Protein backbone atom coordinates (compact mmCIF):
# COMPACT_ATOMS: atom_id res chain seq x y z
CA MET A 1 91.73 87.02 94.39
CA TYR A 2 94.45 86.07 96.89
CA GLN A 3 97.15 86.52 94.25
CA GLN A 4 95.83 89.95 93.28
CA ILE A 5 95.77 91.13 96.88
CA ILE A 6 99.28 89.82 97.56
CA GLY A 7 100.50 91.56 94.39
CA SER A 8 99.00 94.84 95.54
CA LEU A 9 100.42 94.43 99.04
CA THR A 10 103.86 93.69 97.58
CA TYR A 11 103.71 97.01 95.74
CA VAL A 12 102.57 98.83 98.88
CA ALA A 13 105.31 97.18 100.97
CA THR A 14 107.95 98.14 98.42
CA ALA A 15 106.79 101.66 97.63
CA THR A 16 105.19 103.15 100.72
CA HIS A 17 104.82 100.80 103.68
CA PRO A 18 107.99 98.76 104.34
CA GLY A 19 106.73 97.72 107.77
CA ILE A 20 104.49 95.07 106.23
CA ALA A 21 107.16 93.57 103.96
CA ASP A 22 107.94 90.56 106.17
CA ALA A 23 104.31 89.59 106.61
CA VAL A 24 103.60 89.97 102.89
CA ASN A 25 106.69 87.91 102.07
CA ILE A 26 105.53 85.06 104.30
CA LEU A 27 102.00 85.12 102.88
CA SER A 28 103.30 85.21 99.31
CA LYS A 29 104.78 81.74 99.80
CA PHE A 30 101.24 80.35 99.67
CA MET A 31 100.20 81.80 96.31
CA THR A 32 99.32 78.48 94.68
CA ARG A 33 97.18 77.04 97.47
CA PRO A 34 96.18 79.66 100.03
CA GLY A 35 94.11 78.44 102.94
CA LYS A 36 91.65 80.17 105.21
CA GLU A 37 94.40 81.14 107.65
CA HIS A 38 96.36 82.84 104.86
CA MET A 39 93.37 84.93 103.84
CA GLU A 40 92.92 85.87 107.50
CA GLY A 41 96.55 87.03 107.50
CA VAL A 42 95.85 89.18 104.45
CA LYS A 43 92.83 90.69 106.19
CA ARG A 44 94.95 91.51 109.24
CA ILE A 45 97.48 93.34 107.06
CA LEU A 46 94.70 95.30 105.38
CA GLN A 47 93.25 96.22 108.79
CA TYR A 48 96.70 97.36 109.91
CA ILE A 49 97.07 99.56 106.84
CA LYS A 50 93.61 101.01 107.40
CA GLY A 51 94.48 101.80 111.02
CA THR A 52 97.77 103.50 110.13
CA ILE A 53 96.66 105.31 106.98
CA ASP A 54 97.30 108.74 108.55
CA TYR A 55 100.79 107.90 109.82
CA GLY A 56 103.85 109.23 108.05
CA LEU A 57 107.11 111.09 108.27
CA ILE A 58 107.26 114.79 107.55
CA TYR A 59 110.55 116.52 106.91
CA ASN A 60 110.49 120.29 107.23
CA VAL A 61 113.26 122.51 105.99
CA SER A 62 114.27 124.99 108.65
CA ASP A 63 117.15 127.26 109.58
CA SER A 64 118.20 125.08 112.51
CA ASP A 65 121.15 122.69 112.53
CA TYR A 66 119.20 119.46 112.90
CA VAL A 67 120.73 116.32 111.45
CA LEU A 68 118.57 113.42 110.34
CA ILE A 69 119.96 110.10 111.60
CA GLY A 70 118.30 106.76 110.83
CA TYR A 71 118.73 103.39 112.50
CA SER A 72 117.70 99.94 111.40
CA ASP A 73 117.50 96.56 113.06
CA SER A 74 119.42 94.39 110.62
CA ASP A 75 119.51 91.16 112.59
CA TRP A 76 119.08 88.87 109.59
CA THR A 77 120.83 86.07 111.49
CA GLY A 78 117.93 85.93 113.93
CA ASP A 79 115.42 85.33 111.11
CA ILE A 80 114.69 81.62 111.32
CA GLU A 81 112.28 81.74 108.34
CA THR A 82 115.05 82.19 105.75
């Protein structure tokens, strides 16, 4: 069951919810022998998704001169896990 849930969360993280990608990546390292604490982590991710199900970005086309600018925190050097 753990493997199925992680597989589904991997799809969700890739397709629609990139904010959970790091947590899913860490939990996927324990696919062969997940413990109780790993299943609790999965439950926390599912609760987070349930709580943010109505969140999203909406882009409206208008006559104004707005420019969409995106920023990202790409501090991969600070990631001590990898």
